[in-house]
Amino acid sequence: MDKAEQTMLENLHKNTGKTLPQWVDEVKKLNFEKHGQIMKHLKEGLGLTHGFANLIALKTLATDAGSFENKDDLINSQYTGKEHFRLVYTRLIEEISKFGDDIEISPKMANVSVRRKKQFALLHPVTKTRFEIGINLKGQEPNEKLLPSGNAMCTHKINLTGIDDIDQEVFDWLRKAYENAG
């Protein structure tokens, strides 16, 4: 378990009076089948924050990264049917890894979170034709390449259609986000 998740678990218990296993047991009794159903119940019905609700939903459905023993399986499943984007992922990770030795690469079900002291990027093969780099650059004005994300996890995004879309500007934005996360 990573440090961020441990802190989240401690705060969940402190703020709600229930441990994660207690929440999971409670939610399982409701027989929700979808992540969104659980999220809606926990946020709207019980007033939990998005982060806590998401954690509980992921653990209840066992769809979080921690439910997988082999993290490579998570990455492999992200690229099923989108194999051409695996080269994009590999190139981005190669370059990001050069930024410093304090980088944590954390695969999730649908994407890979890249963190320093906090998350600074999210690598996501969204569709068969679009790879999205989520970037945290609070206060940065968008431009032609760096778009507003509309996602709570990242302030901006860069859309790629293939390896040829990766240029120095992409790496510069990633480096700036890395530096801001330290």
N, C-alpha and C. Protein backbone atom coordinates (compact mmCIF):
# COMPACT_ATOMS: atom_id res chain seq x y z
N MET A 1 0.85 -1.18 0.00
CA MET A 1 0.00 0.00 0.00
C MET A 1 0.89 1.24 0.00
N ASP A 2 0.58 2.17 -0.89
CA ASP A 2 1.40 3.37 -0.94
C ASP A 2 1.01 4.35 0.16
N LYS A 3 1.87 5.33 0.37
CA LYS A 3 1.70 6.30 1.45
C LYS A 3 0.40 7.09 1.32
N ALA A 4 0.07 7.47 0.10
CA ALA A 4 -1.15 8.26 -0.13
C ALA A 4 -2.39 7.46 0.26
N GLU A 5 -2.41 6.17 -0.11
CA GLU A 5 -3.57 5.35 0.23
C GLU A 5 -3.66 5.13 1.74
N GLN A 6 -2.52 4.94 2.40
CA GLN A 6 -2.51 4.76 3.85
C GLN A 6 -3.08 6.00 4.55
N THR A 7 -2.68 7.16 4.10
CA THR A 7 -3.20 8.41 4.66
C THR A 7 -4.71 8.51 4.44
N MET A 8 -5.13 8.14 3.23
CA MET A 8 -6.57 8.17 2.90
C MET A 8 -7.35 7.26 3.84
N LEU A 9 -6.83 6.06 4.09
CA LEU A 9 -7.52 5.12 4.97
C LEU A 9 -7.61 5.66 6.40
N GLU A 10 -6.53 6.25 6.86
CA GLU A 10 -6.54 6.84 8.20
C GLU A 10 -7.55 7.97 8.30
N ASN A 11 -7.59 8.82 7.27
CA ASN A 11 -8.53 9.95 7.27
C ASN A 11 -9.97 9.48 7.13
N LEU A 12 -10.19 8.41 6.36
CA LEU A 12 -11.54 7.86 6.23
C LEU A 12 -12.07 7.47 7.60
N HIS A 13 -11.27 6.75 8.36
CA HIS A 13 -11.70 6.30 9.69
C HIS A 13 -11.88 7.49 10.64
N LYS A 14 -10.92 8.40 10.59
CA LYS A 14 -10.98 9.58 11.47
C LYS A 14 -12.20 10.44 11.16
N ASN A 15 -12.50 10.63 9.87
CA ASN A 15 -13.58 11.54 9.47
C ASN A 15 -14.98 10.92 9.49
N THR A 16 -15.06 9.60 9.34
CA THR A 16 -16.38 8.97 9.27
C THR A 16 -16.68 8.04 10.44
N GLY A 17 -15.65 7.68 11.19
CA GLY A 17 -15.84 6.74 12.30
C GLY A 17 -15.91 5.28 11.86
N LYS A 18 -15.72 5.03 10.57
CA LYS A 18 -15.75 3.66 10.06
C LYS A 18 -14.47 3.37 9.30
N THR A 19 -14.02 2.13 9.40
CA THR A 19 -12.86 1.69 8.64
C THR A 19 -13.29 1.33 7.22
N LEU A 20 -12.33 1.18 6.34
CA LEU A 20 -12.64 0.79 4.97
C LEU A 20 -13.37 -0.55 4.93
N PRO A 21 -12.91 -1.58 5.64
CA PRO A 21 -13.67 -2.84 5.60
C PRO A 21 -15.13 -2.69 6.07
N GLN A 22 -15.37 -1.82 7.04
CA GLN A 22 -16.74 -1.58 7.49
C GLN A 22 -17.57 -0.93 6.39
N TRP A 23 -16.98 0.04 5.69
CA TRP A 23 -17.68 0.68 4.58
C TRP A 23 -17.96 -0.31 3.46
N VAL A 24 -16.96 -1.13 3.13
CA VAL A 24 -17.14 -2.12 2.07
C VAL A 24 -18.26 -3.09 2.42
N ASP A 25 -18.27 -3.57 3.65
CA ASP A 25 -19.35 -4.48 4.08
C ASP A 25 -20.71 -3.82 3.96
N GLU A 26 -20.79 -2.55 4.38
CA GLU A 26 -22.06 -1.82 4.32
C GLU A 26 -22.53 -1.65 2.88
N VAL A 27 -21.63 -1.30 1.99
CA VAL A 27 -21.99 -1.06 0.59
C VAL A 27 -22.35 -2.37 -0.11
N LYS A 28 -21.65 -3.44 0.21
CA LYS A 28 -21.94 -4.73 -0.43
C LYS A 28 -23.37 -5.19 -0.13
N LYS A 29 -23.88 -4.85 1.03
CA LYS A 29 -25.25 -5.22 1.40
C LYS A 29 -26.29 -4.55 0.51
N LEU A 30 -25.90 -3.46 -0.15
CA LEU A 30 -26.83 -2.72 -1.00
C LEU A 30 -26.91 -3.30 -2.41
N ASN A 31 -26.02 -4.23 -2.73
CA ASN A 31 -26.00 -4.94 -4.02
C ASN A 31 -25.87 -4.03 -5.24
N PHE A 32 -25.13 -2.95 -5.10
CA PHE A 32 -24.86 -2.11 -6.26
C PHE A 32 -23.90 -2.86 -7.19
N GLU A 33 -24.12 -2.74 -8.48
CA GLU A 33 -23.26 -3.42 -9.44
C GLU A 33 -22.28 -2.47 -10.12
N LYS A 34 -22.57 -1.18 -10.08
CA LYS A 34 -21.75 -0.22 -10.82
C LYS A 34 -21.10 0.80 -9.90
N HIS A 35 -19.91 1.19 -10.32
CA HIS A 35 -19.12 2.18 -9.59
C HIS A 35 -19.93 3.47 -9.38
N GLY A 36 -20.58 3.93 -10.44
CA GLY A 36 -21.36 5.17 -10.37
C GLY A 36 -22.51 5.10 -9.36
N GLN A 37 -23.12 3.94 -9.25
CA GLN A 37 -24.21 3.77 -8.27
C GLN A 37 -23.68 3.93 -6.85
N ILE A 38 -22.54 3.32 -6.60
CA ILE A 38 -21.94 3.41 -5.27
C ILE A 38 -21.54 4.86 -4.98
N MET A 39 -20.91 5.49 -5.97
CA MET A 39 -20.47 6.88 -5.79
C MET A 39 -21.66 7.78 -5.46
N LYS A 40 -22.73 7.65 -6.22
CA LYS A 40 -23.91 8.50 -6.00
C LYS A 40 -24.46 8.28 -4.59
N HIS A 41 -24.59 7.04 -4.19
CA HIS A 41 -25.11 6.74 -2.85
C HIS A 41 -24.23 7.35 -1.77
N LEU A 42 -22.93 7.16 -1.89
CA LEU A 42 -22.03 7.64 -0.85
C LEU A 42 -21.91 9.16 -0.81
N LYS A 43 -21.88 9.79 -1.98
CA LYS A 43 -21.74 11.24 -2.03
C LYS A 43 -23.05 11.96 -1.75
N GLU A 44 -24.09 11.60 -2.50
CA GLU A 44 -25.37 12.30 -2.36
C GLU A 44 -26.16 11.82 -1.16
N GLY A 45 -26.16 10.53 -0.94
CA GLY A 45 -26.95 9.97 0.14
C GLY A 45 -26.31 10.09 1.51
N LEU A 46 -24.98 9.98 1.56
CA LEU A 46 -24.30 9.97 2.85
C LEU A 46 -23.33 11.13 3.05
N GLY A 47 -23.14 11.95 2.02
CA GLY A 47 -22.32 13.15 2.16
C GLY A 47 -20.81 12.93 2.18
N LEU A 48 -20.34 11.80 1.69
CA LEU A 48 -18.90 11.56 1.65
C LEU A 48 -18.26 12.38 0.53
N THR A 49 -16.99 12.67 0.68
CA THR A 49 -16.26 13.38 -0.36
C THR A 49 -16.05 12.45 -1.56
N HIS A 50 -15.71 13.06 -2.68
CA HIS A 50 -15.45 12.28 -3.90
C HIS A 50 -14.34 11.26 -3.66
N GLY A 51 -13.26 11.69 -3.04
CA GLY A 51 -12.12 10.80 -2.80
C GLY A 51 -12.47 9.59 -1.96
N PHE A 52 -13.18 9.80 -0.86
CA PHE A 52 -13.58 8.68 0.00
C PHE A 52 -14.56 7.77 -0.72
N ALA A 53 -15.53 8.36 -1.41
CA ALA A 53 -16.52 7.56 -2.13
C ALA A 53 -15.85 6.72 -3.21
N ASN A 54 -14.92 7.30 -3.91
CA ASN A 54 -14.21 6.58 -4.97
C ASN A 54 -13.41 5.42 -4.39
N LEU A 55 -12.70 5.66 -3.31
CA LEU A 55 -11.92 4.60 -2.65
C LEU A 55 -12.83 3.44 -2.23
N ILE A 56 -13.92 3.76 -1.61
CA ILE A 56 -14.86 2.72 -1.15
C ILE A 56 -15.44 1.96 -2.34
N ALA A 57 -15.82 2.68 -3.38
CA ALA A 57 -16.39 2.03 -4.57
C ALA A 57 -15.37 1.10 -5.22
N LEU A 58 -14.15 1.57 -5.38
CA LEU A 58 -13.10 0.74 -5.99
C LEU A 58 -12.85 -0.53 -5.18
N LYS A 59 -12.75 -0.37 -3.87
CA LYS A 59 -12.48 -1.53 -3.00
C LYS A 59 -13.68 -2.48 -2.95
N THR A 60 -14.88 -1.93 -2.97
CA THR A 60 -16.08 -2.77 -2.92
C THR A 60 -16.17 -3.65 -4.17
N LEU A 61 -15.86 -3.08 -5.31
CA LEU A 61 -15.95 -3.82 -6.58
C LEU A 61 -14.63 -4.52 -6.93
N ALA A 62 -13.60 -4.32 -6.10
CA ALA A 62 -12.27 -4.89 -6.33
C ALA A 62 -11.74 -4.51 -7.71
N THR A 63 -11.92 -3.25 -8.07
CA THR A 63 -11.45 -2.76 -9.36
C THR A 63 -10.31 -1.76 -9.21
N ASP A 64 -9.75 -1.67 -8.03
CA ASP A 64 -8.62 -0.78 -7.81
C ASP A 64 -7.32 -1.50 -8.11
N ALA A 65 -6.26 -0.74 -8.24
CA ALA A 65 -4.96 -1.31 -8.53
C ALA A 65 -4.51 -2.27 -7.43
N GLY A 66 -4.86 -1.99 -6.20
CA GLY A 66 -4.45 -2.84 -5.09
C GLY A 66 -5.07 -4.22 -5.13
N SER A 67 -6.10 -4.41 -5.91
CA SER A 67 -6.73 -5.72 -6.02
C SER A 67 -6.00 -6.63 -7.01
N PHE A 68 -4.99 -6.09 -7.67
CA PHE A 68 -4.21 -6.86 -8.63
C PHE A 68 -2.82 -7.12 -8.07
N GLU A 69 -2.39 -8.37 -8.07
CA GLU A 69 -1.06 -8.70 -7.58
C GLU A 69 0.01 -8.19 -8.53
N ASN A 70 -0.21 -8.34 -9.83
CA ASN A 70 0.78 -7.96 -10.82
C ASN A 70 0.35 -6.65 -11.49
N LYS A 71 1.07 -5.58 -11.21
CA LYS A 71 0.71 -4.26 -11.76
C LYS A 71 0.83 -4.23 -13.28
N ASP A 72 1.70 -5.08 -13.85
CA ASP A 72 1.81 -5.14 -15.31
C ASP A 72 0.50 -5.59 -15.94
N ASP A 73 -0.27 -6.41 -15.23
CA ASP A 73 -1.57 -6.84 -15.74
C ASP A 73 -2.51 -5.65 -15.93
N LEU A 74 -2.41 -4.68 -15.02
CA LEU A 74 -3.23 -3.47 -15.14
C LEU A 74 -2.86 -2.69 -16.40
N ILE A 75 -1.57 -2.52 -16.61
CA ILE A 75 -1.12 -1.78 -17.79
C ILE A 75 -1.49 -2.54 -19.06
N ASN A 76 -1.26 -3.84 -19.08
CA ASN A 76 -1.60 -4.64 -20.26
C ASN A 76 -3.08 -4.54 -20.59
N SER A 77 -3.93 -4.56 -19.58
CA SER A 77 -5.37 -4.50 -19.85
C SER A 77 -5.78 -3.14 -20.40
N GLN A 78 -5.06 -2.07 -20.03
CA GLN A 78 -5.38 -0.73 -20.55
C GLN A 78 -5.17 -0.66 -22.06
N TYR A 79 -4.24 -1.46 -22.57
CA TYR A 79 -3.87 -1.38 -23.98
C TYR A 79 -4.46 -2.48 -24.84
N THR A 80 -5.36 -3.26 -24.27
CA THR A 80 -6.06 -4.26 -25.06
C THR A 80 -6.96 -3.55 -26.06
N GLY A 81 -6.73 -3.81 -27.34
CA GLY A 81 -7.47 -3.11 -28.39
C GLY A 81 -6.90 -1.75 -28.73
N LYS A 82 -5.90 -1.32 -27.98
CA LYS A 82 -5.25 -0.01 -28.19
C LYS A 82 -3.73 -0.21 -28.20
N GLU A 83 -3.28 -1.33 -28.71
CA GLU A 83 -1.87 -1.72 -28.64
C GLU A 83 -0.93 -0.67 -29.22
N HIS A 84 -1.37 0.04 -30.24
CA HIS A 84 -0.54 1.07 -30.87
C HIS A 84 -0.17 2.19 -29.90
N PHE A 85 -0.94 2.37 -28.83
CA PHE A 85 -0.64 3.41 -27.85
C PHE A 85 0.38 2.95 -26.80
N ARG A 86 0.70 1.68 -26.78
CA ARG A 86 1.68 1.19 -25.80
C ARG A 86 3.03 1.85 -26.04
N LEU A 87 3.38 2.10 -27.29
CA LEU A 87 4.63 2.78 -27.62
C LEU A 87 4.62 4.22 -27.08
N VAL A 88 3.47 4.88 -27.15
CA VAL A 88 3.32 6.23 -26.60
C VAL A 88 3.58 6.19 -25.09
N TYR A 89 2.94 5.25 -24.40
CA TYR A 89 3.13 5.11 -22.95
C TYR A 89 4.60 4.89 -22.62
N THR A 90 5.22 3.96 -23.33
CA THR A 90 6.62 3.63 -23.06
C THR A 90 7.52 4.84 -23.25
N ARG A 91 7.30 5.58 -24.32
CA ARG A 91 8.13 6.78 -24.58
C ARG A 91 7.93 7.83 -23.50
N LEU A 92 6.71 8.04 -23.07
CA LEU A 92 6.45 9.03 -22.02
C LEU A 92 7.11 8.62 -20.71
N ILE A 93 6.97 7.36 -20.33
CA ILE A 93 7.58 6.88 -19.08
C ILE A 93 9.09 6.99 -19.14
N GLU A 94 9.69 6.67 -20.28
CA GLU A 94 11.15 6.80 -20.44
C GLU A 94 11.60 8.22 -20.13
N GLU A 95 10.91 9.19 -20.70
CA GLU A 95 11.31 10.58 -20.52
C GLU A 95 11.00 11.07 -19.11
N ILE A 96 9.83 10.77 -18.61
CA ILE A 96 9.44 11.20 -17.26
C ILE A 96 10.41 10.65 -16.23
N SER A 97 10.87 9.43 -16.41
CA SER A 97 11.79 8.79 -15.46
C SER A 97 13.11 9.53 -15.36
N LYS A 98 13.45 10.32 -16.35
CA LYS A 98 14.70 11.10 -16.34
C LYS A 98 14.58 12.35 -15.47
N PHE A 99 13.36 12.73 -15.09
CA PHE A 99 13.16 13.96 -14.32
C PHE A 99 13.78 13.87 -12.93
N GLY A 100 13.77 12.69 -12.33
CA GLY A 100 14.30 12.53 -10.98
C GLY A 100 14.06 11.14 -10.46
N ASP A 101 14.70 10.82 -9.33
CA ASP A 101 14.55 9.48 -8.75
C ASP A 101 13.44 9.43 -7.71
N ASP A 102 12.64 10.47 -7.65
CA ASP A 102 11.55 10.53 -6.67
C ASP A 102 10.18 10.34 -7.32
N ILE A 103 10.15 9.72 -8.48
CA ILE A 103 8.91 9.54 -9.21
C ILE A 103 8.29 8.20 -8.88
N GLU A 104 7.00 8.21 -8.62
CA GLU A 104 6.23 6.98 -8.36
C GLU A 104 5.28 6.78 -9.53
N ILE A 105 5.35 5.61 -10.14
CA ILE A 105 4.47 5.26 -11.24
C ILE A 105 3.47 4.26 -10.69
N SER A 106 2.20 4.64 -10.70
CA SER A 106 1.16 3.85 -10.04
C SER A 106 0.04 3.49 -11.01
N PRO A 107 0.08 2.28 -11.57
CA PRO A 107 -0.99 1.86 -12.48
C PRO A 107 -2.32 1.71 -11.76
N LYS A 108 -3.36 2.14 -12.42
CA LYS A 108 -4.74 1.99 -11.96
C LYS A 108 -5.48 1.15 -13.00
N MET A 109 -6.78 1.01 -12.88
CA MET A 109 -7.54 0.22 -13.85
C MET A 109 -7.53 0.83 -15.25
N ALA A 110 -7.72 2.12 -15.35
CA ALA A 110 -7.88 2.75 -16.66
C ALA A 110 -6.70 3.63 -17.06
N ASN A 111 -5.81 3.95 -16.11
CA ASN A 111 -4.73 4.88 -16.40
C ASN A 111 -3.55 4.62 -15.48
N VAL A 112 -2.51 5.41 -15.65
CA VAL A 112 -1.33 5.32 -14.79
C VAL A 112 -1.10 6.69 -14.18
N SER A 113 -1.10 6.74 -12.87
CA SER A 113 -0.84 7.97 -12.14
C SER A 113 0.67 8.11 -11.97
N VAL A 114 1.16 9.32 -12.20
CA VAL A 114 2.58 9.61 -12.04
C VAL A 114 2.69 10.69 -10.97
N ARG A 115 3.44 10.35 -9.90
CA ARG A 115 3.50 11.24 -8.74
C ARG A 115 4.93 11.55 -8.33
N ARG A 116 5.05 12.65 -7.68
CA ARG A 116 6.25 13.03 -6.97
C ARG A 116 5.80 13.09 -5.51
N LYS A 117 5.67 14.27 -4.93
CA LYS A 117 5.03 14.36 -3.62
C LYS A 117 3.52 14.31 -3.78
N LYS A 118 3.06 14.69 -4.97
CA LYS A 118 1.65 14.59 -5.32
C LYS A 118 1.58 14.25 -6.81
N GLN A 119 0.41 13.86 -7.25
CA GLN A 119 0.25 13.49 -8.65
C GLN A 119 0.51 14.70 -9.54
N PHE A 120 1.31 14.48 -10.58
CA PHE A 120 1.54 15.56 -11.54
C PHE A 120 1.12 15.18 -12.95
N ALA A 121 0.89 13.88 -13.20
CA ALA A 121 0.46 13.47 -14.53
C ALA A 121 -0.39 12.20 -14.44
N LEU A 122 -1.21 12.02 -15.45
CA LEU A 122 -2.06 10.84 -15.58
C LEU A 122 -1.99 10.41 -17.04
N LEU A 123 -1.56 9.18 -17.29
CA LEU A 123 -1.39 8.67 -18.65
C LEU A 123 -2.54 7.72 -18.95
N HIS A 124 -3.29 8.03 -20.02
CA HIS A 124 -4.56 7.33 -20.21
C HIS A 124 -4.86 7.08 -21.70
N PRO A 125 -4.84 5.81 -22.13
CA PRO A 125 -5.30 5.52 -23.49
C PRO A 125 -6.83 5.52 -23.49
N VAL A 126 -7.41 6.65 -23.78
CA VAL A 126 -8.85 6.87 -23.60
C VAL A 126 -9.68 6.06 -24.59
N THR A 127 -9.35 6.18 -25.87
CA THR A 127 -10.07 5.45 -26.92
C THR A 127 -9.04 4.85 -27.87
N LYS A 128 -9.50 4.22 -28.91
CA LYS A 128 -8.58 3.66 -29.91
C LYS A 128 -7.87 4.75 -30.71
N THR A 129 -8.39 5.96 -30.64
CA THR A 129 -7.81 7.05 -31.43
C THR A 129 -7.27 8.21 -30.59
N ARG A 130 -7.41 8.13 -29.27
CA ARG A 130 -6.96 9.25 -28.43
C ARG A 130 -6.28 8.77 -27.16
N PHE A 131 -5.05 9.23 -26.97
CA PHE A 131 -4.29 9.03 -25.74
C PHE A 131 -4.26 10.37 -25.05
N GLU A 132 -4.59 10.39 -23.78
CA GLU A 132 -4.66 11.64 -23.04
C GLU A 132 -3.60 11.67 -21.94
N ILE A 133 -2.89 12.77 -21.89
CA ILE A 133 -1.97 13.02 -20.78
C ILE A 133 -2.65 14.06 -19.90
N GLY A 134 -3.03 13.67 -18.71
CA GLY A 134 -3.55 14.63 -17.74
C GLY A 134 -2.37 15.25 -17.02
N ILE A 135 -2.41 16.55 -16.83
CA ILE A 135 -1.29 17.26 -16.21
C ILE A 135 -1.84 18.23 -15.17
N ASN A 136 -1.17 18.30 -14.03
CA ASN A 136 -1.55 19.25 -12.98
C ASN A 136 -0.65 20.47 -13.06
N LEU A 137 -1.24 21.56 -13.52
CA LEU A 137 -0.54 22.84 -13.64
C LEU A 137 -1.49 23.96 -13.23
N LYS A 138 -1.83 23.97 -11.97
CA LYS A 138 -2.77 24.96 -11.45
C LYS A 138 -2.31 26.38 -11.80
N GLY A 139 -3.25 27.18 -12.33
CA GLY A 139 -2.96 28.56 -12.66
C GLY A 139 -2.35 28.77 -14.04
N GLN A 140 -2.02 27.70 -14.74
CA GLN A 140 -1.42 27.81 -16.07
C GLN A 140 -2.50 28.07 -17.11
N GLU A 141 -2.27 29.04 -17.96
CA GLU A 141 -3.21 29.32 -19.05
C GLU A 141 -3.10 28.21 -20.09
N PRO A 142 -4.22 27.71 -20.58
CA PRO A 142 -4.19 26.71 -21.66
C PRO A 142 -3.63 27.32 -22.94
N ASN A 143 -3.22 26.46 -23.86
CA ASN A 143 -2.80 26.92 -25.17
C ASN A 143 -3.27 25.92 -26.22
N GLU A 144 -2.70 25.96 -27.40
CA GLU A 144 -3.14 25.07 -28.47
C GLU A 144 -3.00 23.60 -28.10
N LYS A 145 -1.91 23.26 -27.44
CA LYS A 145 -1.64 21.86 -27.09
C LYS A 145 -2.11 21.53 -25.68
N LEU A 146 -1.91 22.44 -24.74
CA LEU A 146 -2.27 22.25 -23.34
C LEU A 146 -3.69 22.75 -23.13
N LEU A 147 -4.62 21.82 -23.03
CA LEU A 147 -6.04 22.15 -22.96
C LEU A 147 -6.56 22.07 -21.53
N PRO A 148 -7.63 22.80 -21.20
CA PRO A 148 -8.27 22.59 -19.89
C PRO A 148 -8.84 21.17 -19.87
N SER A 149 -8.77 20.51 -18.71
CA SER A 149 -9.14 19.09 -18.70
C SER A 149 -10.61 18.83 -18.39
N GLY A 150 -11.20 19.60 -17.50
CA GLY A 150 -12.55 19.28 -17.08
C GLY A 150 -12.60 18.06 -16.18
N ASN A 151 -11.45 17.64 -15.68
CA ASN A 151 -11.31 16.45 -14.85
C ASN A 151 -10.81 16.89 -13.47
N ALA A 152 -11.40 16.37 -12.42
CA ALA A 152 -11.00 16.75 -11.07
C ALA A 152 -9.59 16.28 -10.73
N MET A 153 -9.10 15.28 -11.44
CA MET A 153 -7.79 14.71 -11.12
C MET A 153 -6.64 15.51 -11.73
N CYS A 154 -6.89 16.28 -12.79
CA CYS A 154 -5.86 17.05 -13.48
C CYS A 154 -6.44 18.38 -13.95
N THR A 155 -5.61 19.42 -13.96
CA THR A 155 -6.09 20.72 -14.39
C THR A 155 -6.09 20.87 -15.91
N HIS A 156 -5.18 20.15 -16.58
CA HIS A 156 -5.01 20.28 -18.02
C HIS A 156 -4.87 18.90 -18.66
N LYS A 157 -4.93 18.89 -19.98
CA LYS A 157 -4.70 17.65 -20.71
C LYS A 157 -4.03 17.95 -22.04
N ILE A 158 -3.33 16.95 -22.53
CA ILE A 158 -2.76 16.99 -23.87
C ILE A 158 -3.27 15.74 -24.57
N ASN A 159 -3.91 15.91 -25.72
CA ASN A 159 -4.41 14.78 -26.49
C ASN A 159 -3.39 14.38 -27.55
N LEU A 160 -3.17 13.09 -27.65
CA LEU A 160 -2.24 12.54 -28.63
C LEU A 160 -2.99 11.51 -29.48
N THR A 161 -2.61 11.42 -30.74
CA THR A 161 -3.18 10.39 -31.61
C THR A 161 -2.15 9.33 -31.96
N GLY A 162 -0.89 9.57 -31.60
CA GLY A 162 0.17 8.60 -31.87
C GLY A 162 1.51 9.12 -31.40
N ILE A 163 2.53 8.31 -31.60
CA ILE A 163 3.88 8.63 -31.14
C ILE A 163 4.40 9.92 -31.77
N ASP A 164 3.98 10.22 -32.99
CA ASP A 164 4.47 11.43 -33.68
C ASP A 164 3.97 12.72 -33.03
N ASP A 165 2.95 12.64 -32.19
CA ASP A 165 2.43 13.83 -31.50
C ASP A 165 3.28 14.21 -30.29
N ILE A 166 4.19 13.33 -29.89
CA ILE A 166 5.04 13.63 -28.73
C ILE A 166 6.20 14.48 -29.22
N ASP A 167 6.31 15.69 -28.66
CA ASP A 167 7.39 16.59 -29.03
C ASP A 167 7.96 17.22 -27.75
N GLN A 168 8.89 18.12 -27.94
CA GLN A 168 9.55 18.75 -26.79
C GLN A 168 8.56 19.52 -25.94
N GLU A 169 7.54 20.11 -26.53
CA GLU A 169 6.55 20.86 -25.75
C GLU A 169 5.84 19.94 -24.76
N VAL A 170 5.50 18.73 -25.18
CA VAL A 170 4.86 17.75 -24.28
C VAL A 170 5.77 17.50 -23.08
N PHE A 171 7.05 17.24 -23.35
CA PHE A 171 7.99 16.97 -22.26
C PHE A 171 8.20 18.19 -21.37
N ASP A 172 8.19 19.38 -21.96
CA ASP A 172 8.35 20.60 -21.17
C ASP A 172 7.18 20.79 -20.20
N TRP A 173 5.95 20.53 -20.67
CA TRP A 173 4.79 20.65 -19.78
C TRP A 173 4.86 19.60 -18.67
N LEU A 174 5.25 18.38 -19.02
CA LEU A 174 5.37 17.33 -18.00
C LEU A 174 6.44 17.69 -16.97
N ARG A 175 7.58 18.21 -17.44
CA ARG A 175 8.64 18.60 -16.51
C ARG A 175 8.17 19.73 -15.58
N LYS A 176 7.47 20.70 -16.13
CA LYS A 176 6.97 21.80 -15.30
C LYS A 176 6.02 21.27 -14.23
N ALA A 177 5.15 20.34 -14.61
CA ALA A 177 4.23 19.76 -13.63
C ALA A 177 5.00 18.98 -12.58
N TYR A 178 6.02 18.26 -13.00
CA TYR A 178 6.88 17.51 -12.06
C TYR A 178 7.52 18.48 -11.06
N GLU A 179 8.09 19.55 -11.57
CA GLU A 179 8.75 20.52 -10.69
C GLU A 179 7.77 21.14 -9.71
N ASN A 180 6.56 21.43 -10.16
CA ASN A 180 5.53 22.00 -9.30
C ASN A 180 5.06 21.03 -8.23
N ALA A 181 5.22 19.73 -8.47
CA ALA A 181 4.74 18.70 -7.54
C ALA A 181 5.75 18.40 -6.44
N GLY A 182 6.88 19.07 -6.44
CA GLY A 182 7.92 18.76 -5.47
C GLY A 182 7.97 19.71 -4.34
